[in-house]
Amino acid sequence: MKWLSSLALFSLTFTTFAVAVEPVTIRLWPHGAPEKEGFKIEPEAEIKKEKDDGVKRLGNVSDPTITIYQPEKPNGTAVLVCPGGGYGILAIEHEGTQVCDYLRTLGVTPVLLKYRVPRRDNEDPSRVPLQDTQRAMGILRHRAAEFGIQQDRIGILGFSAGGHLSIMAALQGGTRTYEQDAALDMANATPNFAIPVYPAYLVGKGNEFELLPEIKVTAKAPPMCLVHAHDDPHSAAGSALIYLEYKKNKLPCELHIYSSGGHGFGMKKSGLPVNDWLVRVGEWLPTLYPAKK
């Protein structure tokens, strides 16, 4: 009988642990995301290409969510992961779930952001995804203790368009274009650090050596770690210029530019040094000392 009691206790403990580390998905807008009146979109679905290139593309996202992947031994740091896709689709695996899997091994709590696509505004394509990012930051800070996260250790990591989004979140976190909900939003929507990976849309088509006017680094910008490949058609100069702005403002910043890798490498294996970019990020994260609130 004592053995049975021990077995029951073990089973209960194991079940509780298993449930605790199951991914948790949260809708960002329980009553519907803010959209222009009359806006309609096809149902959310995987977008397939005629020739399979190994990239899983998620399209037509109208009900954005965050999915929290809890590590076995959380260290209090969380990272909001933003897949790329030109603000048209989400490269949900090699720039999303696979990144989350790796971050969990570091004790980091990865949070996959499924933001709204395709573009709602061609003139300002990041406006709507930024709303989703800001709401996600609010929810994570409200519920930080529930997921073993420290409120002042929540960062953002994004690829390509998601890299651009991570920069906009870091530099324009205080600017809102939606009505806030006190139960879901926080006054401070700025991430505590940012990791833009081959960020796009930082420089103009005619001048790759000058940041676009909306990309403004101020003394309040959070620590940043930039990753890019020299042969990326979305010029690595944009990342270098961001680094120089950080340098001018005497802000903590790290920059990794690899000679080869192109665009969109994410978690793909090529045998090139660029494959170790996330190892470098894992070395950088413990050096951060976020300001206490």
Protein backbone atom coordinates (compact mmCIF):
# COMPACT_ATOMS: atom_id res chain seq x y z
CA MET A 1 0.00 0.00 0.00
CA LYS A 2 2.86 2.37 0.86
CA TRP A 3 4.41 1.53 -2.54
CA LEU A 4 1.14 2.38 -4.26
CA SER A 5 0.97 5.70 -2.41
CA SER A 6 4.50 6.53 -3.51
CA LEU A 7 3.66 5.58 -7.08
CA ALA A 8 0.56 7.75 -7.01
CA LEU A 9 2.56 10.68 -5.66
CA PHE A 10 5.21 10.18 -8.35
CA SER A 11 2.54 10.03 -11.06
CA LEU A 12 0.88 13.18 -9.74
CA THR A 13 4.22 14.99 -9.55
CA PHE A 14 5.22 13.88 -13.05
CA THR A 15 1.83 14.85 -14.47
CA THR A 16 1.97 18.25 -12.80
CA PHE A 17 5.48 18.83 -14.17
CA ALA A 18 4.45 17.72 -17.66
CA VAL A 19 1.49 20.08 -17.63
CA ALA A 20 3.67 22.92 -16.31
CA VAL A 21 6.02 22.77 -19.32
CA GLU A 22 3.32 22.39 -21.96
CA PRO A 23 3.23 25.44 -24.27
CA VAL A 24 0.59 27.99 -23.29
CA THR A 25 -1.12 29.98 -26.05
CA ILE A 26 -2.79 33.32 -25.26
CA ARG A 27 -4.92 35.44 -27.58
CA LEU A 28 -3.68 39.02 -27.68
CA TRP A 29 -7.08 40.55 -28.43
CA PRO A 30 -9.82 38.50 -26.69
CA HIS A 31 -12.53 40.69 -28.20
CA GLY A 32 -10.97 40.91 -31.65
CA ALA A 33 -7.92 42.76 -32.95
CA PRO A 34 -8.32 46.41 -33.96
CA GLU A 35 -8.83 46.55 -37.72
CA LYS A 36 -10.16 49.08 -40.20
CA GLU A 37 -13.91 48.98 -40.61
CA GLY A 38 -14.91 46.49 -43.28
CA PHE A 39 -11.55 44.71 -43.27
CA LYS A 40 -11.83 41.09 -44.39
CA ILE A 41 -9.27 38.33 -44.76
CA GLU A 42 -9.19 34.69 -45.82
CA PRO A 43 -8.91 32.07 -43.04
CA GLU A 44 -5.49 31.53 -41.48
CA ALA A 45 -3.58 28.83 -43.35
CA GLU A 46 -0.18 27.51 -44.34
CA ILE A 47 0.95 29.10 -47.60
CA LYS A 48 2.61 26.55 -49.88
CA LYS A 49 4.88 27.27 -52.86
CA GLU A 50 4.88 25.16 -56.02
CA LYS A 51 8.52 24.27 -55.38
CA ASP A 52 9.10 23.22 -51.77
CA ASP A 53 12.00 25.21 -50.29
CA GLY A 54 11.68 23.77 -46.80
CA VAL A 55 10.20 26.96 -45.35
CA LYS A 56 6.86 26.71 -43.54
CA ARG A 57 4.86 29.87 -44.22
CA LEU A 58 1.83 30.89 -42.18
CA GLY A 59 -0.50 33.42 -43.76
CA ASN A 60 -3.72 35.36 -43.20
CA VAL A 61 -3.27 35.87 -39.47
CA SER A 62 -6.16 37.89 -38.02
CA ASP A 63 -6.25 36.48 -34.46
CA PRO A 64 -2.70 37.08 -33.17
CA THR A 65 -1.36 35.06 -30.25
CA ILE A 66 1.66 34.41 -28.10
CA THR A 67 2.77 30.88 -27.25
CA ILE A 68 4.92 30.51 -24.14
CA TYR A 69 7.40 27.62 -24.07
CA GLN A 70 8.52 27.13 -20.48
CA PRO A 71 12.02 25.69 -19.90
CA GLU A 72 12.70 23.07 -17.24
CA LYS A 73 14.86 25.50 -15.27
CA PRO A 74 13.76 29.07 -16.07
CA ASN A 75 16.37 31.74 -15.36
CA GLY A 76 13.88 34.61 -15.32
CA THR A 77 14.66 35.88 -18.83
CA ALA A 78 12.04 35.78 -21.59
CA VAL A 79 12.43 36.46 -25.31
CA LEU A 80 9.56 37.38 -27.62
CA VAL A 81 10.37 35.67 -30.95
CA CYS A 82 9.11 37.40 -34.13
CA PRO A 83 9.35 35.38 -37.37
CA GLY A 84 10.08 37.18 -40.62
CA GLY A 85 8.25 37.10 -43.92
CA GLY A 86 8.17 40.61 -45.36
CA TYR A 87 5.08 41.46 -43.26
CA GLY A 88 3.24 39.20 -45.71
CA ILE A 89 3.62 35.77 -44.10
CA LEU A 90 5.34 34.28 -41.05
CA ALA A 91 8.28 31.88 -41.47
CA ILE A 92 6.94 30.09 -38.44
CA GLU A 93 9.44 27.22 -38.05
CA HIS A 94 13.06 28.09 -38.87
CA GLU A 95 12.49 31.64 -37.60
CA GLY A 96 10.01 30.65 -34.91
CA THR A 97 9.44 27.32 -33.19
CA GLN A 98 12.98 26.02 -33.84
CA VAL A 99 14.44 29.16 -32.25
CA CYS A 100 12.17 28.66 -29.24
CA ASP A 101 13.39 25.07 -28.87
CA TYR A 102 17.00 26.25 -28.65
CA LEU A 103 16.32 29.12 -26.26
CA ARG A 104 14.62 26.72 -23.83
CA THR A 105 17.91 24.83 -23.48
CA LEU A 106 19.48 28.05 -22.16
CA GLY A 107 16.87 28.42 -19.42
CA VAL A 108 15.29 31.29 -21.35
CA THR A 109 11.49 31.37 -21.64
CA PRO A 110 10.82 31.81 -25.37
CA VAL A 111 7.51 33.34 -26.41
CA LEU A 112 6.49 32.91 -30.05
CA LEU A 113 4.60 35.91 -31.41
CA LYS A 114 2.11 35.14 -34.16
CA TYR A 115 1.46 38.68 -35.37
CA ARG A 116 -1.02 39.87 -37.95
CA VAL A 117 -0.16 39.38 -41.62
CA PRO A 118 -0.38 40.24 -44.47
CA ARG A 119 0.26 43.97 -44.46
CA ARG A 120 -2.64 46.18 -43.45
CA ASP A 121 -0.75 49.38 -44.37
CA ASN A 122 1.83 49.46 -47.18
CA GLU A 123 2.95 52.94 -46.15
CA ASP A 124 3.60 51.82 -42.57
CA PRO A 125 3.76 48.00 -42.64
CA SER A 126 4.99 47.63 -39.05
CA ARG A 127 2.13 49.65 -37.50
CA VAL A 128 -0.29 46.74 -36.96
CA PRO A 129 2.38 44.14 -36.00
CA LEU A 130 3.76 46.70 -33.54
CA GLN A 131 0.33 46.83 -31.87
CA ASP A 132 0.53 43.05 -31.43
CA THR A 133 4.08 43.32 -30.08
CA GLN A 134 3.15 46.01 -27.56
CA ARG A 135 0.10 44.06 -26.38
CA ALA A 136 2.27 40.92 -26.05
CA MET A 137 4.78 42.81 -23.90
CA GLY A 138 1.93 44.03 -21.69
CA ILE A 139 0.52 40.54 -21.17
CA LEU A 140 3.95 39.10 -20.40
CA ARG A 141 4.67 41.79 -17.82
CA HIS A 142 1.22 41.38 -16.23
CA ARG A 143 1.66 37.61 -15.96
CA ALA A 144 5.43 37.41 -15.49
CA ALA A 145 5.32 35.67 -12.10
CA GLU A 146 2.95 33.01 -13.45
CA PHE A 147 5.57 31.93 -15.99
CA GLY A 148 8.72 32.37 -13.90
CA ILE A 149 9.71 35.55 -15.71
CA GLN A 150 11.15 38.74 -14.25
CA GLN A 151 9.32 41.84 -15.51
CA ASP A 152 12.57 43.65 -16.28
CA ARG A 153 14.12 40.78 -18.25
CA ILE A 154 11.77 40.50 -21.22
CA GLY A 155 13.45 41.01 -24.59
CA ILE A 156 12.59 40.62 -28.25
CA LEU A 157 14.24 38.72 -31.11
CA GLY A 158 13.14 39.01 -34.72
CA PHE A 159 14.13 38.06 -38.25
CA SER A 160 14.01 40.21 -41.40
CA ALA A 161 10.64 41.99 -41.13
CA GLY A 162 10.49 40.61 -37.60
CA GLY A 163 13.95 42.11 -37.06
CA HIS A 164 12.62 45.45 -38.22
CA LEU A 165 9.67 44.95 -35.87
CA SER A 166 12.01 44.23 -32.96
CA ILE A 167 13.87 47.48 -33.65
CA MET A 168 10.63 49.46 -33.87
CA ALA A 169 9.49 47.90 -30.58
CA ALA A 170 12.80 48.82 -28.96
CA LEU A 171 12.86 52.39 -30.27
CA GLN A 172 9.13 53.24 -30.36
CA GLY A 173 7.75 51.19 -27.47
CA GLY A 174 6.06 54.24 -25.96
CA THR A 175 4.08 55.13 -29.09
CA ARG A 176 0.62 53.50 -29.26
CA THR A 177 -1.86 53.44 -32.12
CA TYR A 178 -4.63 51.60 -30.29
CA GLU A 179 -6.77 52.10 -27.19
CA GLN A 180 -5.10 50.43 -24.22
CA ASP A 181 -6.75 47.92 -21.88
CA ALA A 182 -5.45 48.22 -18.31
CA ALA A 183 -5.91 44.48 -17.76
CA LEU A 184 -3.72 43.57 -20.74
CA ASP A 185 -1.43 46.51 -21.47
CA MET A 186 1.36 48.11 -19.47
CA ALA A 187 2.51 51.71 -19.64
CA ASN A 188 5.97 50.47 -20.58
CA ALA A 189 5.85 48.33 -23.73
CA THR A 190 9.56 48.68 -24.52
CA PRO A 191 11.50 45.39 -24.40
CA ASN A 192 14.46 45.24 -22.00
CA PHE A 193 16.74 44.17 -24.85
CA ALA A 194 16.50 43.48 -28.57
CA ILE A 195 18.10 40.95 -30.92
CA PRO A 196 17.41 41.92 -34.55
CA VAL A 197 18.60 39.20 -36.96
CA TYR A 198 19.16 40.37 -40.56
CA PRO A 199 16.64 43.20 -40.02
CA ALA A 200 15.09 44.62 -43.19
CA TYR A 201 13.68 48.06 -44.06
CA LEU A 202 16.27 50.10 -42.14
CA VAL A 203 17.70 52.03 -45.10
CA GLY A 204 16.28 53.54 -48.27
CA LYS A 205 16.58 51.93 -51.69
CA GLY A 206 18.67 54.77 -53.02
CA ASN A 207 20.99 55.15 -50.04
CA GLU A 208 22.02 52.11 -48.02
CA PHE A 209 24.35 54.17 -45.84
CA GLU A 210 21.68 56.26 -44.13
CA LEU A 211 18.98 55.06 -41.76
CA LEU A 212 15.38 55.86 -42.61
CA PRO A 213 14.02 58.88 -40.68
CA GLU A 214 11.77 56.78 -38.43
CA ILE A 215 14.75 54.77 -37.12
CA LYS A 216 15.91 56.99 -34.26
CA VAL A 217 18.19 55.73 -31.48
CA THR A 218 17.82 57.75 -28.28
CA ALA A 219 19.48 57.53 -24.87
CA LYS A 220 16.52 55.40 -23.69
CA ALA A 221 17.10 52.60 -26.21
CA PRO A 222 17.56 49.15 -24.60
CA PRO A 223 20.68 46.98 -25.08
CA MET A 224 20.87 45.40 -28.53
CA CYS A 225 22.63 42.50 -30.25
CA LEU A 226 22.53 42.64 -34.07
CA VAL A 227 23.20 39.71 -36.41
CA HIS A 228 23.65 39.98 -40.18
CA ALA A 229 25.48 38.47 -43.16
CA HIS A 230 27.72 40.65 -45.34
CA ASP A 231 26.24 39.16 -48.53
CA ASP A 232 22.62 39.79 -47.50
CA PRO A 233 20.72 41.66 -50.26
CA HIS A 234 18.98 43.50 -47.41
CA SER A 235 22.14 45.45 -46.69
CA ALA A 236 24.08 44.70 -43.52
CA ALA A 237 24.87 48.42 -43.55
CA GLY A 238 21.55 48.98 -41.76
CA SER A 239 22.67 46.90 -38.80
CA ALA A 240 26.07 48.60 -38.82
CA LEU A 241 24.42 52.02 -38.80
CA ILE A 242 22.25 51.03 -35.83
CA TYR A 243 25.41 49.94 -34.02
CA LEU A 244 27.07 53.29 -34.76
CA GLU A 245 24.04 55.14 -33.36
CA TYR A 246 24.31 53.07 -30.20
CA LYS A 247 28.02 53.88 -30.05
CA LYS A 248 27.30 57.62 -30.38
CA ASN A 249 24.80 57.40 -27.53
CA LYS A 250 27.20 55.32 -25.38
CA LEU A 251 24.68 52.49 -25.16
CA PRO A 252 25.44 48.76 -24.83
CA CYS A 253 25.37 47.03 -28.21
CA GLU A 254 26.92 44.00 -29.89
CA LEU A 255 27.21 43.47 -33.66
CA HIS A 256 27.95 40.24 -35.53
CA ILE A 257 28.40 40.46 -39.32
CA TYR A 258 29.30 37.16 -40.98
CA SER A 259 30.98 37.09 -44.39
CA SER A 260 28.47 34.61 -45.86
CA GLY A 261 24.95 33.53 -45.08
CA GLY A 262 22.69 35.57 -47.31
CA HIS A 263 19.20 36.41 -46.09
CA GLY A 264 16.76 34.23 -44.19
CA PHE A 265 19.19 31.69 -42.74
CA GLY A 266 17.44 31.49 -39.36
CA MET A 267 17.99 28.00 -37.97
CA LYS A 268 18.91 26.46 -41.34
CA LYS A 269 22.13 24.43 -41.38
CA SER A 270 24.64 25.48 -44.05
CA GLY A 271 27.95 24.48 -42.48
CA LEU A 272 28.98 28.15 -42.41
CA PRO A 273 30.13 30.09 -39.32
CA VAL A 274 26.82 31.98 -39.45
CA ASN A 275 25.16 28.82 -38.09
CA ASP A 276 26.61 29.72 -34.68
CA TRP A 277 24.80 33.06 -34.43
CA LEU A 278 22.44 31.81 -31.70
CA VAL A 279 25.41 30.49 -29.72
CA ARG A 280 26.81 34.04 -29.77
CA VAL A 281 23.44 35.37 -28.61
CA GLY A 282 23.44 32.80 -25.81
CA GLU A 283 26.82 34.15 -24.69
CA TRP A 284 25.59 37.75 -24.84
CA LEU A 285 22.39 37.31 -22.84
CA PRO A 286 24.07 36.61 -19.46
CA THR A 287 26.06 39.86 -19.78
CA LEU A 288 22.90 41.96 -19.54
CA TYR A 289 22.00 43.88 -16.40
CA PRO A 290 18.49 45.28 -16.98
CA ALA A 291 17.57 48.40 -14.98
CA LYS A 292 15.33 47.73 -11.99
CA LYS A 293 11.92 49.39 -11.99
